Amino acid sequence: MRNKCFYYRNSFRRKKLFNANCASCHKLDKNMAGPALRGIA
């Protein structure tokens, strides 16, 4: 089993990638250029 540090680093990287590449078009509860993300996955 991997340690907490591994999961923290990966979640931090995913958030950074999302903010850099996706956040301008996708919001949680609002349709923008892309669909709202609430309820996905």
PDB file of N, CA and C in Angstrom:
ATOM      1  N   MET A   1       0.844  -1.186   0.000  1.00  0.00           N
ATOM      2  CA  MET A   1       0.000   0.000   0.000  1.00  0.00           C
ATOM      3  C   MET A   1       0.887   1.246   0.000  1.00  0.00           C
ATOM      4  N   ARG A   2       0.493   2.224  -0.757  1.00  0.00           N
ATOM      5  CA  ARG A   2       1.290   3.446  -0.851  1.00  0.00           C
ATOM      6  C   ARG A   2       0.990   4.380   0.314  1.00  0.00           C
ATOM      7  N   ASN A   3       1.952   5.213   0.613  1.00  0.00           N
ATOM      8  CA  ASN A   3       1.781   6.112   1.765  1.00  0.00           C
ATOM      9  C   ASN A   3       0.970   7.357   1.409  1.00  0.00           C
ATOM     10  N   LYS A   4       0.583   8.096   2.435  1.00  0.00           N
ATOM     11  CA  LYS A   4      -0.244   9.295   2.246  1.00  0.00           C
ATOM     12  C   LYS A   4       0.451  10.341   1.394  1.00  0.00           C
ATOM     13  N   CYS A   5       1.756  10.432   1.533  1.00  0.00           N
ATOM     14  CA  CYS A   5       2.521  11.438   0.792  1.00  0.00           C
ATOM     15  C   CYS A   5       2.344  11.227  -0.721  1.00  0.00           C
ATOM     16  N   PHE A   6       2.350   9.974  -1.158  1.00  0.00           N
ATOM     17  CA  PHE A   6       2.148   9.666  -2.572  1.00  0.00           C
ATOM     18  C   PHE A   6       0.784  10.167  -3.048  1.00  0.00           C
ATOM     19  N   TYR A   7      -0.253   9.883  -2.292  1.00  0.00           N
ATOM     20  CA  TYR A   7      -1.600  10.312  -2.681  1.00  0.00           C
ATOM     21  C   TYR A   7      -1.733  11.829  -2.655  1.00  0.00           C
ATOM     22  N   TYR A   8      -1.132  12.465  -1.676  1.00  0.00           N
ATOM     23  CA  TYR A   8      -1.186  13.925  -1.594  1.00  0.00           C
ATOM     24  C   TYR A   8      -0.506  14.545  -2.807  1.00  0.00           C
ATOM     25  N   ARG A   9       0.675  14.052  -3.146  1.00  0.00           N
ATOM     26  CA  ARG A   9       1.403  14.603  -4.297  1.00  0.00           C
ATOM     27  C   ARG A   9       0.607  14.426  -5.574  1.00  0.00           C
ATOM     28  N   ASN A  10       0.004  13.257  -5.759  1.00  0.00           N
ATOM     29  CA  ASN A  10      -0.779  13.022  -6.973  1.00  0.00           C
ATOM     30  C   ASN A  10      -2.016  13.896  -7.029  1.00  0.00           C
ATOM     31  N   SER A  11      -2.712  14.066  -5.910  1.00  0.00           N
ATOM     32  CA  SER A  11      -3.907  14.915  -5.925  1.00  0.00           C
ATOM     33  C   SER A  11      -3.517  16.363  -6.182  1.00  0.00           C
ATOM     34  N   PHE A  12      -2.388  16.792  -5.649  1.00  0.00           N
ATOM     35  CA  PHE A  12      -1.906  18.148  -5.896  1.00  0.00           C
ATOM     36  C   PHE A  12      -1.597  18.333  -7.379  1.00  0.00           C
ATOM     37  N   ARG A  13      -0.966  17.337  -7.988  1.00  0.00           N
ATOM     38  CA  ARG A  13      -0.644  17.414  -9.424  1.00  0.00           C
ATOM     39  C   ARG A  13      -1.906  17.432 -10.277  1.00  0.00           C
ATOM     40  N   ARG A  14      -2.901  16.590  -9.926  1.00  0.00           N
ATOM     41  CA  ARG A  14      -4.152  16.585 -10.684  1.00  0.00           C
ATOM     42  C   ARG A  14      -4.862  17.923 -10.591  1.00  0.00           C
ATOM     43  N   LYS A  15      -4.876  18.518  -9.397  1.00  0.00           N
ATOM     44  CA  LYS A  15      -5.521  19.820  -9.230  1.00  0.00           C
ATOM     45  C   LYS A  15      -4.797  20.874 -10.062  1.00  0.00           C
ATOM     46  N   LYS A  16      -3.480  20.835 -10.057  1.00  0.00           N
ATOM     47  CA  LYS A  16      -2.692  21.784 -10.832  1.00  0.00           C
ATOM     48  C   LYS A  16      -2.976  21.625 -12.331  1.00  0.00           C
ATOM     49  N   LEU A  17      -3.043  20.389 -12.807  1.00  0.00           N
ATOM     50  CA  LEU A  17      -3.350  20.130 -14.216  1.00  0.00           C
ATOM     51  C   LEU A  17      -4.749  20.613 -14.573  1.00  0.00           C
ATOM     52  N   PHE A  18      -5.723  20.314 -13.709  1.00  0.00           N
ATOM     53  CA  PHE A  18      -7.095  20.750 -13.962  1.00  0.00           C
ATOM     54  C   PHE A  18      -7.169  22.269 -14.024  1.00  0.00           C
ATOM     55  N   ASN A  19      -6.566  22.941 -13.060  1.00  0.00           N
ATOM     56  CA  ASN A  19      -6.614  24.409 -13.038  1.00  0.00           C
ATOM     57  C   ASN A  19      -5.938  25.009 -14.257  1.00  0.00           C
ATOM     58  N   ALA A  20      -4.871  24.393 -14.728  1.00  0.00           N
ATOM     59  CA  ALA A  20      -4.145  24.924 -15.878  1.00  0.00           C
ATOM     60  C   ALA A  20      -4.861  24.655 -17.204  1.00  0.00           C
ATOM     61  N   ASN A  21      -5.542  23.507 -17.303  1.00  0.00           N
ATOM     62  CA  ASN A  21      -6.062  23.080 -18.606  1.00  0.00           C
ATOM     63  C   ASN A  21      -7.586  23.032 -18.731  1.00  0.00           C
ATOM     64  N   CYS A  22      -8.296  22.938 -17.625  1.00  0.00           N
ATOM     65  CA  CYS A  22      -9.730  22.648 -17.703  1.00  0.00           C
ATOM     66  C   CYS A  22     -10.620  23.691 -17.031  1.00  0.00           C
ATOM     67  N   ALA A  23     -10.120  24.326 -15.988  1.00  0.00           N
ATOM     68  CA  ALA A  23     -10.962  25.181 -15.142  1.00  0.00           C
ATOM     69  C   ALA A  23     -11.567  26.366 -15.890  1.00  0.00           C
ATOM     70  N   SER A  24     -10.933  26.818 -16.927  1.00  0.00           N
ATOM     71  CA  SER A  24     -11.485  27.971 -17.649  1.00  0.00           C
ATOM     72  C   SER A  24     -12.777  27.613 -18.388  1.00  0.00           C
ATOM     73  N   CYS A  25     -12.966  26.352 -18.727  1.00  0.00           N
ATOM     74  CA  CYS A  25     -14.168  25.929 -19.463  1.00  0.00           C
ATOM     75  C   CYS A  25     -15.144  25.115 -18.622  1.00  0.00           C
ATOM     76  N   HIS A  26     -14.699  24.531 -17.515  1.00  0.00           N
ATOM     77  CA  HIS A  26     -15.548  23.662 -16.692  1.00  0.00           C
ATOM     78  C   HIS A  26     -15.651  24.199 -15.274  1.00  0.00           C
ATOM     79  N   LYS A  27     -16.871  24.354 -14.797  1.00  0.00           N
ATOM     80  CA  LYS A  27     -17.145  24.725 -13.408  1.00  0.00           C
ATOM     81  C   LYS A  27     -17.955  23.605 -12.783  1.00  0.00           C
ATOM     82  N   LEU A  28     -18.053  23.580 -11.471  1.00  0.00           N
ATOM     83  CA  LEU A  28     -18.755  22.501 -10.791  1.00  0.00           C
ATOM     84  C   LEU A  28     -20.252  22.503 -11.083  1.00  0.00           C
ATOM     85  N   ASP A  29     -20.897  23.654 -10.952  1.00  0.00           N
ATOM     86  CA  ASP A  29     -22.353  23.712 -11.071  1.00  0.00           C
ATOM     87  C   ASP A  29     -22.858  24.582 -12.216  1.00  0.00           C
ATOM     88  N   LYS A  30     -21.989  25.035 -13.075  1.00  0.00           N
ATOM     89  CA  LYS A  30     -22.396  25.984 -14.108  1.00  0.00           C
ATOM     90  C   LYS A  30     -21.874  25.535 -15.472  1.00  0.00           C
ATOM     91  N   ASN A  31     -22.740  25.513 -16.465  1.00  0.00           N
ATOM     92  CA  ASN A  31     -22.294  25.224 -17.822  1.00  0.00           C
ATOM     93  C   ASN A  31     -21.553  26.430 -18.362  1.00  0.00           C
ATOM     94  N   MET A  32     -20.373  26.179 -18.829  1.00  0.00           N
ATOM     95  CA  MET A  32     -19.564  27.233 -19.448  1.00  0.00           C
ATOM     96  C   MET A  32     -19.341  26.775 -20.891  1.00  0.00           C
ATOM     97  N   ALA A  33     -18.123  26.888 -21.400  1.00  0.00           N
ATOM     98  CA  ALA A  33     -17.823  26.341 -22.720  1.00  0.00           C
ATOM     99  C   ALA A  33     -17.914  24.813 -22.680  1.00  0.00           C
ATOM    100  N   GLY A  34     -17.601  24.247 -21.506  1.00  0.00           N
ATOM    101  CA  GLY A  34     -17.752  22.804 -21.283  1.00  0.00           C
ATOM    102  C   GLY A  34     -18.876  22.569 -20.301  1.00  0.00           C
ATOM    103  N   PRO A  35     -19.320  21.328 -20.159  1.00  0.00           N
ATOM    104  CA  PRO A  35     -20.435  21.029 -19.259  1.00  0.00           C
ATOM    105  C   PRO A  35     -20.062  21.155 -17.787  1.00  0.00           C
ATOM    106  N   ALA A  36     -21.081  21.318 -16.940  1.00  0.00           N
ATOM    107  CA  ALA A  36     -20.870  21.340 -15.501  1.00  0.00           C
ATOM    108  C   ALA A  36     -20.371  19.968 -15.053  1.00  0.00           C
ATOM    109  N   LEU A  37     -19.558  19.945 -14.009  1.00  0.00           N
ATOM    110  CA  LEU A  37     -18.929  18.699 -13.583  1.00  0.00           C
ATOM    111  C   LEU A  37     -19.617  18.008 -12.416  1.00  0.00           C
ATOM    112  N   ARG A  38     -20.617  18.615 -11.812  1.00  0.00           N
ATOM    113  CA  ARG A  38     -21.317  17.989 -10.692  1.00  0.00           C
ATOM    114  C   ARG A  38     -21.947  16.681 -11.147  1.00  0.00           C
ATOM    115  N   GLY A  39     -21.711  15.625 -10.393  1.00  0.00           N
ATOM    116  CA  GLY A  39     -22.317  14.333 -10.692  1.00  0.00           C
ATOM    117  C   GLY A  39     -21.511  13.456 -11.628  1.00  0.00           C
ATOM    118  N   ILE A  40     -20.423  13.965 -12.155  1.00  0.00           N
ATOM    119  CA  ILE A  40     -19.574  13.151 -13.024  1.00  0.00           C
ATOM    120  C   ILE A  40     -18.579  12.411 -12.136  1.00  0.00           C
ATOM    121  N   ALA A  41     -18.531  11.120 -12.317  1.00  0.00           N
ATOM    122  CA  ALA A  41     -17.652  10.212 -11.555  1.00  0.00           C
ATOM    123  C   ALA A  41     -18.052  10.258 -10.139  1.00  0.00           C
TER     124      ALA A  41
END
